[in-house]
Amino acid sequence: MRLHLLGKGGSKSGDCPSLLATDQGTYVAQGWRTGRADTVEIPHLLTGFAEPDTYLGATLTDTGRGTFLVTGRPISEPDVLAQLTLADDESAIEIPKNRRAFYGAEAK
């Protein structure tokens, strides 16, 4: 799996929480560990880095402190982990990339 950095932020450390696109049509969220291998905590601002007309295809649970908890498949493959710079308190998960669709009525 190859990764492409879309954006990062939310921490004063260099490669802090990040959102990356994969060549598999998914996203990788690099965020703070939560005690569950399949869940990371990411700053709200990372969602704004999603590719045009897409969104993170996972439930985002607002923590009330400017972050979301998001769940996905834990990244454990050495070749994928080698593409990330994880801080000691971070891990990464793969989450679906969903396409946006407009369901409203036309403006009159």
C-alpha atoms as a PDB file:
ATOM      1  CA  MET A   1       0.000   0.000   0.000  1.00  0.00           C
ATOM      2  CA  ARG A   2       1.398   3.392  -0.966  1.00  0.00           C
ATOM      3  CA  LEU A   3       0.513   6.516   0.997  1.00  0.00           C
ATOM      4  CA  HIS A   4       0.108  10.147  -0.031  1.00  0.00           C
ATOM      5  CA  LEU A   5       0.050  12.860   2.658  1.00  0.00           C
ATOM      6  CA  LEU A   6      -3.044  15.069   2.476  1.00  0.00           C
ATOM      7  CA  GLY A   7      -2.473  17.147   5.597  1.00  0.00           C
ATOM      8  CA  LYS A   8      -1.408  17.184   9.211  1.00  0.00           C
ATOM      9  CA  GLY A   9      -1.864  19.261  12.333  1.00  0.00           C
ATOM     10  CA  GLY A  10      -3.049  19.385  15.891  1.00  0.00           C
ATOM     11  CA  SER A  11       0.250  18.864  17.675  1.00  0.00           C
ATOM     12  CA  LYS A  12       3.497  20.719  18.110  1.00  0.00           C
ATOM     13  CA  SER A  13       5.554  17.658  17.089  1.00  0.00           C
ATOM     14  CA  GLY A  14       6.694  17.345  13.466  1.00  0.00           C
ATOM     15  CA  ASP A  15       4.669  14.499  11.988  1.00  0.00           C
ATOM     16  CA  CYS A  16       1.716  14.898  14.292  1.00  0.00           C
ATOM     17  CA  PRO A  17      -1.738  13.532  13.467  1.00  0.00           C
ATOM     18  CA  SER A  18      -2.066  13.179   9.714  1.00  0.00           C
ATOM     19  CA  LEU A  19      -4.545  12.162   7.045  1.00  0.00           C
ATOM     20  CA  LEU A  20      -3.175  10.192   4.122  1.00  0.00           C
ATOM     21  CA  ALA A  21      -4.723   8.724   0.978  1.00  0.00           C
ATOM     22  CA  THR A  22      -3.811   5.199  -0.134  1.00  0.00           C
ATOM     23  CA  ASP A  23      -3.482   3.684  -3.578  1.00  0.00           C
ATOM     24  CA  GLN A  24      -6.231   1.280  -2.464  1.00  0.00           C
ATOM     25  CA  GLY A  25      -8.970   3.959  -2.449  1.00  0.00           C
ATOM     26  CA  THR A  26      -8.970   4.365   1.335  1.00  0.00           C
ATOM     27  CA  TYR A  27      -7.629   6.786   3.933  1.00  0.00           C
ATOM     28  CA  VAL A  28      -5.086   6.286   6.701  1.00  0.00           C
ATOM     29  CA  ALA A  29      -5.589   8.330   9.847  1.00  0.00           C
ATOM     30  CA  GLN A  30      -2.496   8.744  12.001  1.00  0.00           C
ATOM     31  CA  GLY A  31      -3.562   9.851  15.467  1.00  0.00           C
ATOM     32  CA  TRP A  32      -3.152   9.538  19.192  1.00  0.00           C
ATOM     33  CA  ARG A  33      -3.530   6.087  20.763  1.00  0.00           C
ATOM     34  CA  THR A  34      -6.682   5.474  22.746  1.00  0.00           C
ATOM     35  CA  GLY A  35      -6.050   2.094  24.378  1.00  0.00           C
ATOM     36  CA  ARG A  36      -7.844   0.307  21.501  1.00  0.00           C
ATOM     37  CA  ALA A  37      -5.749  -0.807  18.520  1.00  0.00           C
ATOM     38  CA  ASP A  38      -8.605  -0.029  16.113  1.00  0.00           C
ATOM     39  CA  THR A  39      -9.332   3.506  17.402  1.00  0.00           C
ATOM     40  CA  VAL A  40      -7.308   6.717  17.212  1.00  0.00           C
ATOM     41  CA  GLU A  41      -8.020  10.277  18.294  1.00  0.00           C
ATOM     42  CA  ILE A  42      -7.611  12.929  15.598  1.00  0.00           C
ATOM     43  CA  PRO A  43      -8.057  16.710  15.603  1.00  0.00           C
ATOM     44  CA  HIS A  44     -11.198  18.017  13.899  1.00  0.00           C
ATOM     45  CA  LEU A  45      -9.074  19.839  11.323  1.00  0.00           C
ATOM     46  CA  LEU A  46      -7.888  16.578   9.718  1.00  0.00           C
ATOM     47  CA  THR A  47     -11.336  15.955   8.232  1.00  0.00           C
ATOM     48  CA  GLY A  48     -10.864  19.093   6.124  1.00  0.00           C
ATOM     49  CA  PHE A  49      -7.979  17.419   4.277  1.00  0.00           C
ATOM     50  CA  ALA A  50     -10.223  14.759   2.710  1.00  0.00           C
ATOM     51  CA  GLU A  51      -9.962  14.643  -1.072  1.00  0.00           C
ATOM     52  CA  PRO A  52     -12.597  16.624  -3.035  1.00  0.00           C
ATOM     53  CA  ASP A  53     -16.068  15.073  -3.081  1.00  0.00           C
ATOM     54  CA  THR A  54     -15.101  12.427  -0.496  1.00  0.00           C
ATOM     55  CA  TYR A  55     -15.379  12.002   3.256  1.00  0.00           C
ATOM     56  CA  LEU A  56     -14.073   9.696   5.961  1.00  0.00           C
ATOM     57  CA  GLY A  57     -16.264   6.587   5.817  1.00  0.00           C
ATOM     58  CA  ALA A  58     -16.234   5.914   9.543  1.00  0.00           C
ATOM     59  CA  THR A  59     -18.182   7.139  12.534  1.00  0.00           C
ATOM     60  CA  LEU A  60     -16.542  10.162  14.143  1.00  0.00           C
ATOM     61  CA  THR A  61     -17.260  10.514  17.854  1.00  0.00           C
ATOM     62  CA  ASP A  62     -16.717  14.061  19.098  1.00  0.00           C
ATOM     63  CA  THR A  63     -14.725  14.126  22.340  1.00  0.00           C
ATOM     64  CA  GLY A  64     -15.800  17.681  23.169  1.00  0.00           C
ATOM     65  CA  ARG A  65     -12.202  18.929  23.159  1.00  0.00           C
ATOM     66  CA  GLY A  66     -11.587  19.570  19.464  1.00  0.00           C
ATOM     67  CA  THR A  67     -10.945  15.961  18.526  1.00  0.00           C
ATOM     68  CA  PHE A  68     -12.777  12.935  17.166  1.00  0.00           C
ATOM     69  CA  LEU A  69     -12.408   9.261  17.997  1.00  0.00           C
ATOM     70  CA  VAL A  70     -12.384   7.232  14.772  1.00  0.00           C
ATOM     71  CA  THR A  71     -12.278   3.454  14.335  1.00  0.00           C
ATOM     72  CA  GLY A  72     -10.807   1.423  11.489  1.00  0.00           C
ATOM     73  CA  ARG A  73      -8.412  -1.367  10.600  1.00  0.00           C
ATOM     74  CA  PRO A  74      -5.145  -1.083  12.555  1.00  0.00           C
ATOM     75  CA  ILE A  75      -2.086  -0.611  10.339  1.00  0.00           C
ATOM     76  CA  SER A  76       0.477  -3.294  11.155  1.00  0.00           C
ATOM     77  CA  GLU A  77       2.222  -3.997   7.843  1.00  0.00           C
ATOM     78  CA  PRO A  78       5.933  -3.093   8.128  1.00  0.00           C
ATOM     79  CA  ASP A  79       6.092  -1.573   4.625  1.00  0.00           C
ATOM     80  CA  VAL A  80       3.162   0.753   5.388  1.00  0.00           C
ATOM     81  CA  LEU A  81       4.425   1.662   8.861  1.00  0.00           C
ATOM     82  CA  ALA A  82       7.804   2.511   7.289  1.00  0.00           C
ATOM     83  CA  GLN A  83       6.067   5.306   5.339  1.00  0.00           C
ATOM     84  CA  LEU A  84       4.842   6.929   8.580  1.00  0.00           C
ATOM     85  CA  THR A  85       6.673   8.779  11.310  1.00  0.00           C
ATOM     86  CA  LEU A  86       4.721   7.818  14.408  1.00  0.00           C
ATOM     87  CA  ALA A  87       5.309   9.517  17.752  1.00  0.00           C
ATOM     88  CA  ASP A  88       5.442   7.271  20.808  1.00  0.00           C
ATOM     89  CA  ASP A  89       1.795   8.065  21.612  1.00  0.00           C
ATOM     90  CA  GLU A  90       0.472   7.538  18.056  1.00  0.00           C
ATOM     91  CA  SER A  91      -0.813   4.730  15.868  1.00  0.00           C
ATOM     92  CA  ALA A  92      -2.543   4.532  12.499  1.00  0.00           C
ATOM     93  CA  ILE A  93      -5.724   3.019  11.104  1.00  0.00           C
ATOM     94  CA  GLU A  94      -7.146   2.498   7.626  1.00  0.00           C
ATOM     95  CA  ILE A  95     -10.658   3.788   7.020  1.00  0.00           C
ATOM     96  CA  PRO A  96     -12.945   3.796   3.984  1.00  0.00           C
ATOM     97  CA  LYS A  97     -13.032   6.721   1.585  1.00  0.00           C
ATOM     98  CA  ASN A  98     -16.653   7.440   0.668  1.00  0.00           C
ATOM     99  CA  ARG A  99     -17.921   9.563  -2.209  1.00  0.00           C
ATOM    100  CA  ARG A 100     -20.208  12.494  -1.447  1.00  0.00           C
ATOM    101  CA  ALA A 101     -23.569  12.607  -3.167  1.00  0.00           C
ATOM    102  CA  PHE A 102     -26.090  15.449  -3.199  1.00  0.00           C
ATOM    103  CA  TYR A 103     -29.517  14.389  -1.956  1.00  0.00           C
ATOM    104  CA  GLY A 104     -31.217  17.767  -1.746  1.00  0.00           C
ATOM    105  CA  ALA A 105     -33.490  19.646  -4.082  1.00  0.00           C
ATOM    106  CA  GLU A 106     -32.348  22.230  -6.597  1.00  0.00           C
ATOM    107  CA  ALA A 107     -32.293  25.807  -5.341  1.00  0.00           C
ATOM    108  CA  LYS A 108     -34.985  28.012  -6.867  1.00  0.00           C
END
